[in-house]
Amino acid sequence: MKKFIILLSLLILLPLTAASKPLIPIMKTLFTDVTGTVPDAEEIAHKAELFRQQTGIAPFIVVLPDINNEASLRQNGKAMLAHASSSLSDVKGSVLLLFTTREPRLIMITNGQVESGLDDKHLGLLIENHTL
């Protein structure tokens, strides 16, 4: 009876876990707006592409409504960044910039190839000034 109850509860909860959204959406371009609130998305994507061509660093910019678990987000962000940048051939490195809209915030995740004498805050501002 106990095994039956466990099996039944797993069958009920399994679809809920499969239907949950990923922390970071799949990035198909350099700019992804999950919220739909950014009016100049095409221009930002174009500027991000120019930044990639000029510096060799691909800035993947994602606008999210909110961040619940930053530690998990950083871990998943590194994997998503590696996956997204694997399709680009002429880059020295890549950076994932996560902007939140509910509580304005910037989180930056870099891959191991991006070496900089700048701290994360200054590198984020540099990319932000060139693309946004």
Protein backbone atom coordinates (compact mmCIF):
# COMPACT_ATOMS: atom_id res chain seq x y z
CA MET A 1 0.00 0.00 0.00
CA LYS A 2 2.84 2.37 0.88
CA LYS A 3 4.53 1.75 -2.48
CA PHE A 4 1.26 2.38 -4.27
CA ILE A 5 0.85 5.77 -2.57
CA ILE A 6 4.43 6.75 -3.43
CA LEU A 7 3.95 5.68 -7.04
CA LEU A 8 0.67 7.56 -7.28
CA SER A 9 2.20 10.75 -5.86
CA LEU A 10 5.13 10.51 -8.29
CA LEU A 11 2.76 10.16 -11.21
CA ILE A 12 0.87 13.24 -10.08
CA LEU A 13 3.96 15.38 -9.46
CA LEU A 14 6.03 14.29 -12.47
CA PRO A 15 4.08 16.35 -15.04
CA LEU A 16 4.51 19.42 -12.84
CA THR A 17 8.29 19.15 -12.90
CA ALA A 18 8.38 18.49 -16.64
CA ALA A 19 6.22 21.53 -17.35
CA SER A 20 8.27 23.94 -15.26
CA LYS A 21 10.10 26.66 -17.15
CA PRO A 22 13.89 26.70 -17.38
CA LEU A 23 15.60 29.40 -15.31
CA ILE A 24 17.14 30.95 -18.41
CA PRO A 25 15.37 30.78 -21.75
CA ILE A 26 17.12 29.22 -24.72
CA MET A 27 19.09 32.00 -26.36
CA LYS A 28 18.80 31.94 -30.14
CA THR A 29 20.22 35.44 -30.68
CA LEU A 30 22.46 37.80 -28.76
CA PHE A 31 19.40 39.53 -27.28
CA THR A 32 16.43 37.76 -25.67
CA ASP A 33 13.57 39.63 -24.01
CA VAL A 34 11.36 37.27 -22.01
CA THR A 35 9.23 40.13 -20.67
CA GLY A 36 8.38 41.72 -24.02
CA THR A 37 8.92 45.17 -22.50
CA VAL A 38 12.02 46.31 -24.41
CA PRO A 39 10.94 48.55 -27.31
CA ASP A 40 14.20 48.59 -29.32
CA ALA A 41 15.05 44.89 -29.25
CA GLU A 42 16.27 44.76 -32.87
CA GLU A 43 18.57 47.73 -32.37
CA ILE A 44 20.03 46.22 -29.20
CA ALA A 45 20.61 42.90 -31.00
CA HIS A 46 22.36 44.79 -33.82
CA LYS A 47 24.59 46.68 -31.37
CA ALA A 48 25.42 43.43 -29.58
CA GLU A 49 26.46 41.92 -32.92
CA LEU A 50 28.67 44.95 -33.65
CA PHE A 51 30.25 44.58 -30.20
CA ARG A 52 30.95 40.90 -30.96
CA GLN A 53 32.55 41.79 -34.29
CA GLN A 54 34.71 44.55 -32.79
CA THR A 55 35.87 42.77 -29.64
CA GLY A 56 35.51 39.07 -30.33
CA ILE A 57 33.38 38.74 -27.18
CA ALA A 58 29.76 37.67 -27.68
CA PRO A 59 27.44 39.47 -25.24
CA PHE A 60 24.30 37.38 -24.72
CA ILE A 61 21.76 39.76 -23.17
CA VAL A 62 18.64 38.35 -21.50
CA VAL A 63 15.86 40.42 -19.91
CA LEU A 64 13.93 38.51 -17.23
CA PRO A 65 11.09 39.60 -14.96
CA ASP A 66 12.72 38.33 -11.76
CA ILE A 67 15.33 35.96 -10.36
CA ASN A 68 14.34 33.51 -7.62
CA ASN A 69 17.47 31.46 -7.04
CA GLU A 70 20.68 33.24 -8.02
CA ALA A 71 23.01 30.32 -7.23
CA SER A 72 21.04 27.95 -9.45
CA LEU A 73 20.77 30.66 -12.08
CA ARG A 74 24.55 31.12 -12.18
CA GLN A 75 25.12 27.37 -12.49
CA ASN A 76 22.54 26.96 -15.26
CA GLY A 77 23.72 30.21 -16.85
CA LYS A 78 27.22 28.83 -17.41
CA ALA A 79 25.76 25.78 -19.16
CA MET A 80 23.42 27.90 -21.29
CA LEU A 81 26.27 30.26 -22.16
CA ALA A 82 28.47 27.36 -23.25
CA HIS A 83 25.65 25.96 -25.38
CA ALA A 84 24.79 29.32 -26.98
CA SER A 85 28.39 30.26 -27.73
CA SER A 86 29.23 26.84 -29.19
CA SER A 87 27.48 27.83 -32.43
CA LEU A 88 29.69 30.91 -32.85
CA SER A 89 33.04 30.27 -34.49
CA ASP A 90 34.88 33.58 -34.43
CA VAL A 91 34.63 34.59 -30.76
CA LYS A 92 37.32 34.81 -28.08
CA GLY A 93 34.77 34.44 -25.31
CA SER A 94 31.23 35.12 -24.27
CA VAL A 95 29.36 36.94 -21.53
CA LEU A 96 25.80 36.43 -20.32
CA LEU A 97 24.14 39.59 -19.00
CA LEU A 98 20.89 39.01 -17.11
CA PHE A 99 18.73 42.07 -16.48
CA THR A 100 15.69 41.91 -14.22
CA THR A 101 12.73 44.24 -14.60
CA ARG A 102 10.80 43.89 -11.33
CA GLU A 103 13.78 44.70 -9.17
CA PRO A 104 16.33 46.35 -11.52
CA ARG A 105 19.44 44.26 -11.33
CA LEU A 106 22.32 43.04 -13.49
CA ILE A 107 23.95 39.64 -13.13
CA MET A 108 26.92 38.83 -15.32
CA ILE A 109 28.16 35.32 -16.07
CA THR A 110 31.34 34.84 -18.09
CA ASN A 111 32.91 31.78 -19.58
CA GLY A 112 36.50 30.86 -18.74
CA GLN A 113 37.83 32.39 -21.95
CA VAL A 114 36.99 35.97 -21.01
CA GLU A 115 39.93 37.29 -19.07
CA SER A 116 39.78 40.88 -17.98
CA GLY A 117 41.56 43.21 -15.63
CA LEU A 118 38.16 44.78 -15.00
CA ASP A 119 35.86 43.52 -12.32
CA ASP A 120 32.40 42.24 -13.25
CA LYS A 121 30.70 45.56 -12.57
CA HIS A 122 32.97 47.55 -14.89
CA LEU A 123 32.91 44.91 -17.64
CA GLY A 124 29.10 44.86 -17.42
CA LEU A 125 28.97 48.66 -17.72
CA LEU A 126 31.31 48.57 -20.72
CA ILE A 127 29.09 46.09 -22.55
CA GLU A 128 25.93 47.90 -21.45
CA ASN A 129 27.22 51.24 -22.78
CA HIS A 130 28.09 49.74 -26.15
CA THR A 131 24.90 47.75 -26.66
CA LEU A 132 21.99 49.26 -24.72
